[in-house]
Amino acid sequence: MSENELGAFLRTRREAVTPTEVGLPSGPRRRTPGLRRSEVATLAGISVEYLARLEQGRDRHPSPQVLGALADALRLTLEERIHLRRLEKETDGGAGNPCCPTAVPPADSVRPTVRAILDSLEPLPAVLLNRLADILACTTGYRRIVEPLGVLDGERPNLARYVFTDERARAAYPEWDRLADNLVGHLKTESMLDDPHVRGFADELTVFAGAPFADRVEGAPMLPRRTGVERLTHPEAGGLRLSYETLALPDTDPQRLIVYVPADDATSVALDRLNGRRPGGLHAVNA
């Protein structure tokens, strides 16, 4: 690896993007392949001088916000954003990794009593999340709804990462903006302000998701909604309306249990069919 992999990657991606791809006129005479530095700087909201320093390796420590803005401006794919983040962390010598010994790592296990509660909720959809929105456990009823949507893909599924980085999420959740607001609200209000694990996760999503996540984090604090109605579009069951309640489980690492019930009769019938039950097993709240 060369000493300026981060700068080289930014430069090659800039040269690979055409003006028309970002809504700029191409013009008859362009000496530079792709975009000019000034054009990328304007799109990303940074100075041309700073972009030059990054590309030339004279500045190797851009903030997650700058990386996210550059990723948006250069139209990077998720894989390219992941690579960009990796290059920045390697250049930074790993200084951004959460390592504070006083911070409790996010939970990755489930207490036996909580698991017993989940089992007793079947066939209702219910999911247990830690403070980073990692999915720690769920009922079979929840799995049958979200598994076809891709929510549970990967070794460690995370609801926030899915919503902000998976292209299937916006189709799966018709009210995507409301869900995105809620997830960021939980992240900002339920964690310590100086929690390195939350900060590292937020930095990751700032790069991977760009403005849709970063703007919400930088915006005014918003309290998450702990109850309401969530809409989903299921490939087999069609449109679903689910009333939900969020139950806080206080501990050294807070967890939250979200329980869903059908919000109308059509959703009640659809969930019974997904669970292989005769209609009438789950009663609608009619919210």
Protein backbone atom coordinates (compact mmCIF):
# COMPACT_ATOMS: atom_id res chain seq x y z
CA MET A 1 0.00 0.00 0.00
CA SER A 2 1.31 3.44 -0.89
CA GLU A 3 1.60 6.23 1.68
CA ASN A 4 -1.34 8.13 0.18
CA GLU A 5 -4.01 5.52 -0.57
CA LEU A 6 -6.79 7.77 0.73
CA GLY A 7 -5.80 10.69 -1.51
CA ALA A 8 -5.31 8.43 -4.52
CA PHE A 9 -8.75 6.90 -4.05
CA LEU A 10 -10.44 10.31 -3.82
CA ARG A 11 -8.63 11.52 -6.93
CA THR A 12 -9.43 8.44 -9.05
CA ARG A 13 -13.09 8.55 -8.04
CA ARG A 14 -13.26 12.27 -8.87
CA GLU A 15 -11.82 11.57 -12.31
CA ALA A 16 -14.33 8.75 -12.86
CA VAL A 17 -17.47 10.84 -12.29
CA THR A 18 -18.78 12.81 -15.24
CA PRO A 19 -20.34 16.27 -14.84
CA THR A 20 -23.67 15.06 -16.19
CA GLU A 21 -23.86 12.43 -13.43
CA VAL A 22 -23.99 15.18 -10.82
CA GLY A 23 -26.13 17.60 -12.81
CA LEU A 24 -23.36 19.88 -14.08
CA PRO A 25 -22.82 21.03 -17.68
CA SER A 26 -20.04 19.12 -19.41
CA GLY A 27 -18.76 22.02 -21.53
CA PRO A 28 -16.81 21.72 -24.80
CA ARG A 29 -13.32 22.00 -23.32
CA ARG A 30 -12.37 20.10 -20.19
CA ARG A 31 -8.74 19.28 -19.56
CA THR A 32 -9.55 17.16 -16.51
CA PRO A 33 -11.24 13.78 -16.90
CA GLY A 34 -14.32 13.61 -14.72
CA LEU A 35 -14.90 16.41 -12.25
CA ARG A 36 -12.69 19.35 -11.38
CA ARG A 37 -11.58 19.78 -7.79
CA SER A 38 -13.60 22.97 -7.56
CA GLU A 39 -16.75 21.12 -8.61
CA VAL A 40 -16.30 18.35 -6.04
CA ALA A 41 -15.46 20.89 -3.35
CA THR A 42 -18.64 22.85 -4.09
CA LEU A 43 -20.78 19.71 -4.06
CA ALA A 44 -19.24 18.57 -0.77
CA GLY A 45 -19.31 21.98 0.88
CA ILE A 46 -15.56 22.17 1.53
CA SER A 47 -12.79 24.39 0.17
CA VAL A 48 -10.79 23.55 -2.94
CA GLU A 49 -7.61 23.97 -0.91
CA TYR A 50 -8.73 21.38 1.64
CA LEU A 51 -9.67 18.88 -1.07
CA ALA A 52 -6.24 19.40 -2.65
CA ARG A 53 -4.57 18.69 0.69
CA LEU A 54 -6.54 15.46 1.04
CA GLU A 55 -5.73 14.26 -2.47
CA GLN A 56 -2.04 15.15 -2.09
CA GLY A 57 -1.75 13.49 1.31
CA ARG A 58 -0.97 16.71 3.15
CA ASP A 59 -4.04 16.20 5.34
CA ARG A 60 -4.93 12.63 6.24
CA HIS A 61 -7.45 13.07 9.01
CA PRO A 62 -10.78 14.22 7.51
CA SER A 63 -13.77 14.12 9.82
CA PRO A 64 -16.56 11.59 9.24
CA GLN A 65 -18.77 14.50 8.14
CA VAL A 66 -16.27 15.48 5.43
CA LEU A 67 -15.91 11.86 4.29
CA GLY A 68 -19.68 11.49 4.11
CA ALA A 69 -20.03 14.71 2.12
CA LEU A 70 -17.29 13.62 -0.30
CA ALA A 71 -18.91 10.21 -0.66
CA ASP A 72 -22.20 11.91 -1.55
CA ALA A 73 -20.51 14.27 -4.02
CA LEU A 74 -18.62 11.43 -5.72
CA ARG A 75 -21.70 9.20 -5.85
CA LEU A 76 -19.90 6.38 -4.06
CA THR A 77 -21.59 3.01 -3.71
CA LEU A 78 -21.90 1.43 -0.27
CA GLU A 79 -18.90 -0.81 -1.00
CA GLU A 80 -16.85 2.24 -1.99
CA ARG A 81 -17.94 4.08 1.16
CA ILE A 82 -16.83 1.11 3.25
CA HIS A 83 -13.48 1.15 1.45
CA LEU A 84 -13.17 4.92 2.00
CA ARG A 85 -13.81 4.51 5.71
CA ARG A 86 -11.25 1.69 5.89
CA LEU A 87 -8.62 3.80 4.17
CA GLU A 88 -9.24 6.70 6.55
CA LYS A 89 -8.97 4.44 9.62
CA GLU A 90 -5.75 2.86 8.33
CA THR A 91 -4.31 6.30 7.60
CA ASP A 92 -5.37 7.43 11.07
CA GLY A 93 -3.57 4.49 12.61
CA GLY A 94 -6.79 3.20 14.16
CA ALA A 95 -7.11 6.22 16.43
CA GLY A 96 -10.86 6.40 15.82
CA ASN A 97 -11.56 2.92 17.15
CA PRO A 98 -13.62 2.79 20.36
CA CYS A 99 -11.16 1.86 23.10
CA CYS A 100 -12.28 3.72 26.19
CA PRO A 101 -12.10 1.19 29.08
CA THR A 102 -14.82 2.97 31.08
CA ALA A 103 -17.50 2.60 28.40
CA VAL A 104 -19.64 -0.52 28.56
CA PRO A 105 -19.62 -2.31 25.19
CA PRO A 106 -23.03 -2.72 23.55
CA ALA A 107 -24.77 -5.87 24.72
CA ASP A 108 -24.58 -8.90 22.48
CA SER A 109 -26.43 -11.34 24.74
CA VAL A 110 -29.97 -11.74 26.04
CA ARG A 111 -30.92 -12.41 29.64
CA PRO A 112 -32.85 -15.69 30.12
CA THR A 113 -35.88 -13.85 31.53
CA VAL A 114 -36.01 -11.55 28.50
CA ARG A 115 -35.75 -14.52 26.15
CA ALA A 116 -38.60 -16.19 28.04
CA ILE A 117 -40.70 -13.03 27.57
CA LEU A 118 -39.99 -13.10 23.83
CA ASP A 119 -41.01 -16.76 23.65
CA SER A 120 -44.27 -15.99 25.45
CA LEU A 121 -45.10 -13.27 22.91
CA GLU A 122 -45.28 -15.65 19.95
CA PRO A 123 -46.70 -15.28 17.35
CA LEU A 124 -46.64 -11.49 17.84
CA PRO A 125 -43.78 -9.72 16.07
CA ALA A 126 -41.27 -8.49 18.67
CA VAL A 127 -37.60 -7.53 18.51
CA LEU A 128 -34.93 -6.77 21.11
CA LEU A 129 -32.37 -4.03 20.29
CA ASN A 130 -29.33 -2.71 22.12
CA ARG A 131 -28.34 0.97 22.16
CA LEU A 132 -26.74 0.72 18.69
CA ALA A 133 -29.89 -0.93 17.26
CA ASP A 134 -28.18 -4.32 16.93
CA ILE A 135 -30.88 -6.98 16.69
CA LEU A 136 -30.15 -9.25 19.67
CA ALA A 137 -33.22 -11.48 19.45
CA CYS A 138 -36.66 -11.60 17.92
CA THR A 139 -39.77 -13.71 17.79
CA THR A 140 -40.55 -16.00 14.89
CA GLY A 141 -43.43 -13.65 14.09
CA TYR A 142 -40.98 -10.77 13.59
CA ARG A 143 -38.59 -12.93 11.59
CA ARG A 144 -41.33 -13.96 9.15
CA ILE A 145 -42.10 -10.31 8.44
CA VAL A 146 -38.61 -8.83 8.08
CA GLU A 147 -36.47 -11.71 6.84
CA PRO A 148 -37.74 -11.39 3.23
CA LEU A 149 -36.96 -7.65 3.42
CA GLY A 150 -33.28 -8.29 4.22
CA VAL A 151 -33.40 -6.83 7.74
CA LEU A 152 -31.77 -9.92 9.26
CA ASP A 153 -29.02 -10.33 6.66
CA GLY A 154 -25.44 -10.61 7.90
CA GLU A 155 -23.77 -12.04 10.97
CA ARG A 156 -24.84 -9.17 13.23
CA PRO A 157 -28.01 -7.55 11.90
CA ASN A 158 -28.47 -3.91 12.82
CA LEU A 159 -31.74 -2.10 12.17
CA ALA A 160 -30.18 1.36 11.81
CA ARG A 161 -27.49 0.14 9.41
CA TYR A 162 -30.17 -1.60 7.32
CA VAL A 163 -32.45 1.44 7.20
CA PHE A 164 -29.69 3.88 6.23
CA THR A 165 -27.49 1.76 3.94
CA ASP A 166 -29.62 -0.97 2.35
CA GLU A 167 -31.38 0.15 -0.84
CA ARG A 168 -34.28 -2.21 -0.06
CA ALA A 169 -35.20 -0.28 3.09
CA ARG A 170 -36.98 2.63 1.40
CA ALA A 171 -39.25 0.25 -0.50
CA ALA A 172 -39.87 -1.87 2.61
CA TYR A 173 -40.79 1.12 4.80
CA PRO A 174 -43.11 3.57 2.98
CA GLU A 175 -42.67 6.03 5.85
CA TRP A 176 -38.89 5.72 5.75
CA ASP A 177 -38.22 9.27 6.97
CA ARG A 178 -40.22 8.75 10.13
CA LEU A 179 -38.40 5.49 10.92
CA ALA A 180 -35.03 7.09 10.19
CA ASP A 181 -35.85 10.02 12.52
CA ASN A 182 -36.85 7.59 15.25
CA LEU A 183 -33.69 5.50 15.02
CA VAL A 184 -31.46 8.56 15.25
CA GLY A 185 -33.59 9.88 18.10
CA HIS A 186 -32.93 6.69 20.09
CA LEU A 187 -29.23 6.83 19.27
CA LYS A 188 -28.91 10.44 20.47
CA THR A 189 -31.11 10.35 23.56
CA GLU A 190 -30.40 6.97 25.10
CA SER A 191 -26.59 7.00 25.07
CA MET A 192 -23.87 8.82 26.95
CA LEU A 193 -22.76 11.94 25.09
CA ASP A 194 -19.14 10.75 25.11
CA ASP A 195 -19.83 7.06 24.46
CA PRO A 196 -17.01 5.96 22.12
CA HIS A 197 -19.02 2.98 20.85
CA VAL A 198 -21.93 5.20 19.81
CA ARG A 199 -19.54 7.78 18.40
CA GLY A 200 -17.73 5.13 16.35
CA PHE A 201 -21.01 3.74 15.05
CA ALA A 202 -22.26 7.22 14.17
CA ASP A 203 -19.00 7.96 12.36
CA GLU A 204 -19.40 4.74 10.38
CA LEU A 205 -22.94 5.58 9.28
CA THR A 206 -21.95 9.17 8.51
CA VAL A 207 -19.54 7.79 5.92
CA PHE A 208 -21.65 4.88 4.69
CA ALA A 209 -25.00 6.70 4.49
CA GLY A 210 -23.93 10.32 3.99
CA ALA A 211 -26.35 13.20 4.34
CA PRO A 212 -29.54 11.23 5.19
CA PHE A 213 -27.87 10.13 8.43
CA ALA A 214 -25.41 12.98 9.07
CA ASP A 215 -28.05 15.71 8.73
CA ARG A 216 -30.24 13.99 11.32
CA VAL A 217 -27.36 13.61 13.77
CA GLU A 218 -26.35 17.26 13.36
CA GLY A 219 -29.92 18.51 13.57
CA ALA A 220 -31.88 19.52 16.64
CA PRO A 221 -32.34 16.76 19.24
CA MET A 222 -35.57 14.88 18.75
CA LEU A 223 -37.26 12.50 21.15
CA PRO A 224 -38.02 9.11 19.62
CA ARG A 225 -41.58 7.93 19.38
CA ARG A 226 -42.08 4.97 21.68
CA THR A 227 -45.52 4.12 20.40
CA GLY A 228 -47.28 4.56 17.09
CA VAL A 229 -48.04 2.78 13.83
CA GLU A 230 -45.39 1.47 11.47
CA ARG A 231 -46.11 0.67 7.83
CA LEU A 232 -44.30 -2.03 5.88
CA THR A 233 -44.53 -3.42 2.38
CA HIS A 234 -44.09 -7.19 2.45
CA PRO A 235 -43.36 -9.20 -0.73
CA GLU A 236 -45.95 -11.85 0.19
CA ALA A 237 -48.39 -10.14 2.53
CA GLY A 238 -48.50 -6.75 0.83
CA GLY A 239 -49.06 -3.60 2.87
CA LEU A 240 -48.98 -4.02 6.65
CA ARG A 241 -49.89 -1.56 9.42
CA LEU A 242 -48.44 -2.48 12.79
CA SER A 243 -49.08 -0.68 16.08
CA TYR A 244 -46.01 -0.80 18.31
CA GLU A 245 -45.02 -0.24 21.91
CA THR A 246 -41.40 0.26 22.99
CA LEU A 247 -40.49 -1.20 26.39
CA ALA A 248 -37.24 -0.03 28.01
CA LEU A 249 -35.16 -2.66 29.80
CA PRO A 250 -32.77 -0.68 32.04
CA ASP A 251 -29.36 -2.18 32.70
CA THR A 252 -25.70 -1.20 32.51
CA ASP A 253 -26.33 -1.35 28.77
CA PRO A 254 -29.92 -0.30 28.01
CA GLN A 255 -31.98 -2.46 25.71
CA ARG A 256 -35.41 -1.88 24.23
CA LEU A 257 -38.08 -4.40 23.36
CA ILE A 258 -40.43 -3.39 20.54
CA VAL A 259 -43.70 -5.32 20.36
CA TYR A 260 -46.03 -5.06 17.36
CA VAL A 261 -49.73 -5.85 17.02
CA PRO A 262 -51.94 -5.58 13.92
CA ALA A 263 -53.30 -2.07 13.47
CA ASP A 264 -56.21 -3.16 11.27
CA ASP A 265 -58.14 -6.27 10.29
CA ALA A 266 -56.35 -6.69 6.95
CA THR A 267 -52.97 -6.78 8.72
CA SER A 268 -54.35 -9.24 11.27
CA VAL A 269 -55.38 -11.64 8.50
CA ALA A 270 -52.07 -11.20 6.68
CA LEU A 271 -50.02 -11.97 9.81
CA ASP A 272 -52.10 -15.06 10.57
CA ARG A 273 -51.37 -16.33 7.08
CA LEU A 274 -47.63 -15.63 7.42
CA ASN A 275 -47.61 -17.55 10.69
CA GLY A 276 -49.61 -20.46 9.24
CA ARG A 277 -52.57 -19.80 11.53
CA ARG A 278 -56.25 -19.64 10.80
CA PRO A 279 -57.57 -16.05 10.51
CA GLY A 280 -58.67 -14.58 13.82
CA GLY A 281 -55.66 -15.63 15.88
CA LEU A 282 -54.23 -12.12 16.14
CA HIS A 283 -56.67 -9.38 17.05
CA ALA A 284 -56.39 -5.97 15.43
CA VAL A 285 -56.07 -2.84 17.54
CA ASN A 286 -57.71 -0.77 14.79
CA ALA A 287 -55.41 2.17 15.39
